[in-house]
Amino acid sequence: MKLVKIAETLRREVRELDFSAPAAYVYHPLDYAWAPHSLYLEQWGGRGASVLLVGMNPGPFGMAQTGVPFGAVDKVRGWLRCEAPVAVPEGTHPGRPVEGFACRRQEVSGRRLWGWAEAISGTPEVFFETFFVHNYCPLLFLADSAANVVPEKLKAAERARLLPACDRALRSTVLELGIRQVVGVGNWAELRAREALAGVDVEIGRILHPSPASPLARHDWGLQATEQLRELGVRLPNS
């Protein structure tokens, strides 16, 4: 499957990169959680989606555990049916272990996004006829304190090596799926989409990120996302 090959190329390219402070720990879920990630691509990619939702990078209790974008354990196991073995990587932060599908903490962003997806479509089969979900950067960065380090806070030289690989993967994904509209989940994802997809015939916009760190997202994020998508001209499933 072409999506799997795109992910394999990205996995190989980012594996070669080195990072420094503030990124004290770097997690590579495309390596240790490849089984559920590739299952997600094979099972839900290529179902006719015209809209690509693009997240920033994995969260410690989402894709870092399950290999699936915004991958809260209960949603990946239950609604998406993408549970598969996850290895235990070396070099993780002691406060942020990789426990795979045994992880008891649930990523709030993932619960919100996939919960919204279920609410508007009922089944993943219906959802993926309109949408596909992709993370721009496949790496999780943590500081010594275990705080997330977003990719835009990496050193400039390190970003200069990382972003082109992520750009190529996003561009290839859009072209492979025949995507007509790309929606960044948050400001930075939209900015990267505009950079990566310059010259590609797609519409680009953004919706509010479902992060619990966002005060706005605490007030019915799903309803806000629905309204923002409609303003972008996206026709939602079952509407």
Protein backbone atom coordinates (compact mmCIF):
# COMPACT_ATOMS: atom_id res chain seq x y z
CA MET A 1 0.00 0.00 0.00
CA LYS A 2 1.40 3.40 -0.99
CA LEU A 3 0.51 5.07 2.35
CA VAL A 4 2.54 2.44 4.16
CA LYS A 5 5.51 3.07 1.87
CA ILE A 6 5.26 6.81 2.52
CA ALA A 7 5.31 6.17 6.26
CA GLU A 8 8.21 3.75 5.93
CA THR A 9 10.23 6.40 4.11
CA LEU A 10 9.43 9.00 6.77
CA ARG A 11 10.31 6.52 9.52
CA ARG A 12 13.70 5.86 7.93
CA GLU A 13 14.46 9.54 7.36
CA VAL A 14 13.65 10.76 10.87
CA ARG A 15 15.48 7.82 12.45
CA GLU A 16 18.74 9.31 11.17
CA LEU A 17 18.24 12.65 12.95
CA ASP A 18 19.75 13.81 16.23
CA PHE A 19 18.20 16.33 18.61
CA SER A 20 19.41 18.30 21.61
CA ALA A 21 17.98 20.47 24.40
CA PRO A 22 15.22 21.38 24.88
CA ALA A 23 14.39 17.93 23.43
CA ALA A 24 16.01 15.67 26.04
CA TYR A 25 13.96 12.62 24.99
CA VAL A 26 12.76 11.68 21.51
CA TYR A 27 10.15 8.97 20.91
CA HIS A 28 9.85 7.21 17.53
CA PRO A 29 6.39 5.58 17.47
CA LEU A 30 6.76 4.71 13.78
CA ASP A 31 9.41 2.24 15.00
CA TYR A 32 8.12 0.71 18.22
CA ALA A 33 4.39 1.14 17.42
CA TRP A 34 4.66 0.34 13.73
CA ALA A 35 2.17 -2.54 13.94
CA PRO A 36 -0.87 -0.41 14.93
CA HIS A 37 0.29 2.49 12.78
CA SER A 38 0.50 0.41 9.62
CA LEU A 39 -2.80 -1.27 10.51
CA TYR A 40 -4.41 2.19 10.75
CA LEU A 41 -3.08 3.12 7.32
CA GLU A 42 -4.10 -0.15 5.69
CA GLN A 43 -7.53 -0.32 7.32
CA TRP A 44 -8.67 3.29 7.00
CA GLY A 45 -6.59 4.88 4.23
CA GLY A 46 -7.79 5.00 0.66
CA ARG A 47 -11.54 4.97 1.41
CA GLY A 48 -12.32 8.03 -0.65
CA ALA A 49 -11.45 10.80 1.82
CA SER A 50 -11.32 14.28 0.33
CA VAL A 51 -10.41 16.15 3.55
CA LEU A 52 -7.16 15.62 5.46
CA LEU A 53 -7.04 16.63 9.11
CA VAL A 54 -3.41 17.31 10.03
CA GLY A 55 -2.18 17.27 13.60
CA MET A 56 1.17 18.54 14.83
CA ASN A 57 2.98 15.56 16.40
CA PRO A 58 2.30 12.71 18.87
CA GLY A 59 1.17 13.26 22.42
CA PRO A 60 2.67 11.17 25.26
CA PHE A 61 -0.62 9.38 25.95
CA GLY A 62 -1.85 9.20 22.37
CA MET A 63 0.19 8.31 19.31
CA ALA A 64 3.24 7.74 21.52
CA GLN A 65 1.33 4.81 23.04
CA THR A 66 -0.76 3.51 20.14
CA GLY A 67 0.99 4.64 16.95
CA VAL A 68 -2.21 6.28 15.67
CA PRO A 69 -2.65 10.06 15.28
CA PHE A 70 -4.55 11.49 18.27
CA GLY A 71 -4.56 7.88 19.41
CA ALA A 72 -6.27 7.74 22.80
CA VAL A 73 -6.11 4.08 23.80
CA ASP A 74 -9.83 3.45 24.20
CA LYS A 75 -10.69 5.04 20.85
CA VAL A 76 -7.97 3.20 18.93
CA ARG A 77 -8.87 -0.11 20.51
CA GLY A 78 -12.64 0.31 20.36
CA TRP A 79 -13.84 2.59 17.59
CA LEU A 80 -10.89 2.34 15.19
CA ARG A 81 -10.18 -1.35 15.88
CA CYS A 82 -6.44 -0.86 15.42
CA GLU A 83 -5.03 -2.58 18.48
CA ALA A 84 -1.75 -4.35 17.75
CA PRO A 85 1.49 -5.11 19.63
CA VAL A 86 3.63 -2.16 20.75
CA ALA A 87 7.27 -2.72 21.67
CA VAL A 88 8.98 -1.09 24.65
CA PRO A 89 11.57 1.38 23.35
CA GLU A 90 14.77 2.30 25.12
CA GLY A 91 15.62 5.76 26.33
CA THR A 92 12.19 6.94 27.47
CA HIS A 93 11.55 9.47 30.21
CA PRO A 94 10.92 7.66 33.52
CA GLY A 95 7.76 9.68 33.97
CA ARG A 96 6.47 8.95 30.46
CA PRO A 97 6.88 5.20 29.86
CA VAL A 98 5.55 3.54 26.74
CA GLU A 99 2.95 1.02 27.88
CA GLY A 100 1.10 0.66 24.60
CA PHE A 101 -2.51 -0.43 24.93
CA ALA A 102 -1.97 -1.11 28.63
CA CYS A 103 -1.61 2.64 29.22
CA ARG A 104 -4.34 3.78 31.59
CA ARG A 105 -4.07 7.48 30.83
CA GLN A 106 -6.12 8.70 27.89
CA GLU A 107 -5.06 11.53 25.62
CA VAL A 108 -7.69 14.24 26.01
CA SER A 109 -7.10 15.59 22.50
CA GLY A 110 -7.58 12.12 21.06
CA ARG A 111 -10.74 11.43 23.01
CA ARG A 112 -12.15 14.73 21.82
CA LEU A 113 -11.20 14.30 18.17
CA TRP A 114 -12.19 10.66 17.74
CA GLY A 115 -15.24 11.12 19.96
CA TRP A 116 -16.35 13.93 17.65
CA ALA A 117 -15.65 11.71 14.63
CA GLU A 118 -17.89 9.02 16.07
CA ALA A 119 -20.61 11.53 16.94
CA ILE A 120 -20.83 12.97 13.42
CA SER A 121 -20.48 9.73 11.49
CA GLY A 122 -21.50 6.79 13.65
CA THR A 123 -18.98 4.36 12.20
CA PRO A 124 -15.36 4.74 11.09
CA GLU A 125 -16.37 3.37 7.69
CA VAL A 126 -18.54 6.46 7.18
CA PHE A 127 -16.03 8.88 8.70
CA PHE A 128 -13.12 7.81 6.50
CA GLU A 129 -15.17 8.26 3.34
CA THR A 130 -14.82 12.01 4.01
CA PHE A 131 -11.80 12.42 6.31
CA PHE A 132 -8.36 11.01 6.93
CA VAL A 133 -6.22 11.99 9.94
CA HIS A 134 -2.46 12.45 9.69
CA ASN A 135 0.22 13.80 12.03
CA TYR A 136 2.65 16.14 10.32
CA CYS A 137 5.63 15.17 12.49
CA PRO A 138 5.84 11.55 13.74
CA LEU A 139 8.14 12.26 16.70
CA LEU A 140 7.37 13.11 20.33
CA PHE A 141 9.85 15.43 22.05
CA LEU A 142 10.06 15.74 25.82
CA ALA A 143 12.10 18.02 28.05
CA ASP A 144 13.94 16.79 31.14
CA SER A 145 10.87 17.84 33.12
CA ALA A 146 8.69 15.54 30.93
CA ALA A 147 6.97 18.60 29.44
CA ASN A 148 6.12 18.35 25.75
CA VAL A 149 8.47 20.19 23.41
CA VAL A 150 6.58 21.19 20.26
CA PRO A 151 8.54 20.91 17.00
CA GLU A 152 8.61 24.67 16.46
CA LYS A 153 10.68 24.98 19.69
CA LEU A 154 13.49 22.76 18.42
CA LYS A 155 16.77 24.37 17.48
CA ALA A 156 16.68 25.97 14.05
CA ALA A 157 19.30 23.63 12.58
CA GLU A 158 17.39 20.60 13.83
CA ARG A 159 14.11 21.89 12.40
CA ALA A 160 15.87 22.46 9.09
CA ARG A 161 16.69 18.74 8.92
CA LEU A 162 13.35 17.47 10.25
CA LEU A 163 10.75 19.58 8.45
CA PRO A 164 11.66 18.71 4.84
CA ALA A 165 11.08 15.00 5.55
CA CYS A 166 7.72 15.78 7.16
CA ASP A 167 6.84 18.09 4.25
CA ARG A 168 7.55 15.34 1.72
CA ALA A 169 5.44 12.82 3.62
CA LEU A 170 2.50 15.22 3.89
CA ARG A 171 2.70 16.13 0.23
CA SER A 172 2.91 12.48 -0.83
CA THR A 173 -0.05 11.59 1.40
CA VAL A 174 -2.19 14.35 -0.08
CA LEU A 175 -1.37 13.33 -3.63
CA GLU A 176 -1.81 9.61 -2.99
CA LEU A 177 -5.25 10.06 -1.42
CA GLY A 178 -6.44 12.68 -3.91
CA ILE A 179 -7.14 15.11 -1.07
CA ARG A 180 -8.94 18.31 -2.05
CA GLN A 181 -8.90 20.12 1.29
CA VAL A 182 -6.30 20.10 4.08
CA VAL A 183 -7.30 21.30 7.53
CA GLY A 184 -4.64 21.97 10.13
CA VAL A 185 -5.67 21.01 13.64
CA GLY A 186 -4.18 24.10 15.24
CA ASN A 187 -2.20 27.04 13.88
CA TRP A 188 1.20 25.40 13.47
CA ALA A 189 -0.17 22.44 11.53
CA GLU A 190 -1.89 24.85 9.14
CA LEU A 191 1.32 26.83 8.65
CA ARG A 192 3.30 23.67 7.89
CA ALA A 193 0.61 22.48 5.47
CA ARG A 194 0.79 25.77 3.57
CA GLU A 195 4.57 25.45 3.33
CA ALA A 196 4.60 21.77 2.37
CA LEU A 197 1.77 22.02 -0.15
CA ALA A 198 2.78 25.18 -1.98
CA GLY A 199 1.83 24.68 -5.61
CA VAL A 200 -0.53 21.76 -4.91
CA ASP A 201 -4.15 22.32 -5.92
CA VAL A 202 -5.76 22.00 -2.49
CA GLU A 203 -7.65 24.31 -0.17
CA ILE A 204 -6.04 24.84 3.23
CA GLY A 205 -7.63 26.00 6.46
CA ARG A 206 -7.61 25.21 10.17
CA ILE A 207 -9.75 24.30 13.14
CA LEU A 208 -9.18 24.75 16.85
CA HIS A 209 -6.84 22.21 18.43
CA PRO A 210 -8.63 19.98 20.99
CA SER A 211 -5.81 20.26 23.53
CA PRO A 212 -6.84 20.62 27.19
CA ALA A 213 -4.24 23.41 27.36
CA SER A 214 -6.52 25.53 25.19
CA PRO A 215 -9.22 27.32 27.22
CA LEU A 216 -11.40 27.59 24.11
CA ALA A 217 -11.26 23.84 23.50
CA ARG A 218 -12.80 23.14 26.90
CA HIS A 219 -16.15 24.48 25.74
CA ASP A 220 -17.67 21.82 23.45
CA TRP A 221 -14.71 21.42 21.13
CA GLY A 222 -16.70 19.11 18.85
CA LEU A 223 -19.36 21.72 18.19
CA GLN A 224 -16.71 24.35 17.48
CA ALA A 225 -14.87 22.02 15.12
CA THR A 226 -18.10 21.25 13.26
CA GLU A 227 -18.92 24.94 12.85
CA GLN A 228 -15.39 25.78 11.69
CA LEU A 229 -15.39 22.97 9.15
CA ARG A 230 -18.73 24.12 7.78
CA GLU A 231 -17.33 27.63 7.44
CA LEU A 232 -14.50 26.09 5.39
CA GLY A 233 -17.09 24.50 3.12
CA VAL A 234 -16.57 20.93 4.35
CA ARG A 235 -19.62 18.73 3.99
CA LEU A 236 -19.77 16.50 7.04
CA PRO A 237 -20.87 12.85 7.00
CA ASN A 238 -24.62 12.28 7.39
CA SER A 239 -25.39 15.96 6.70
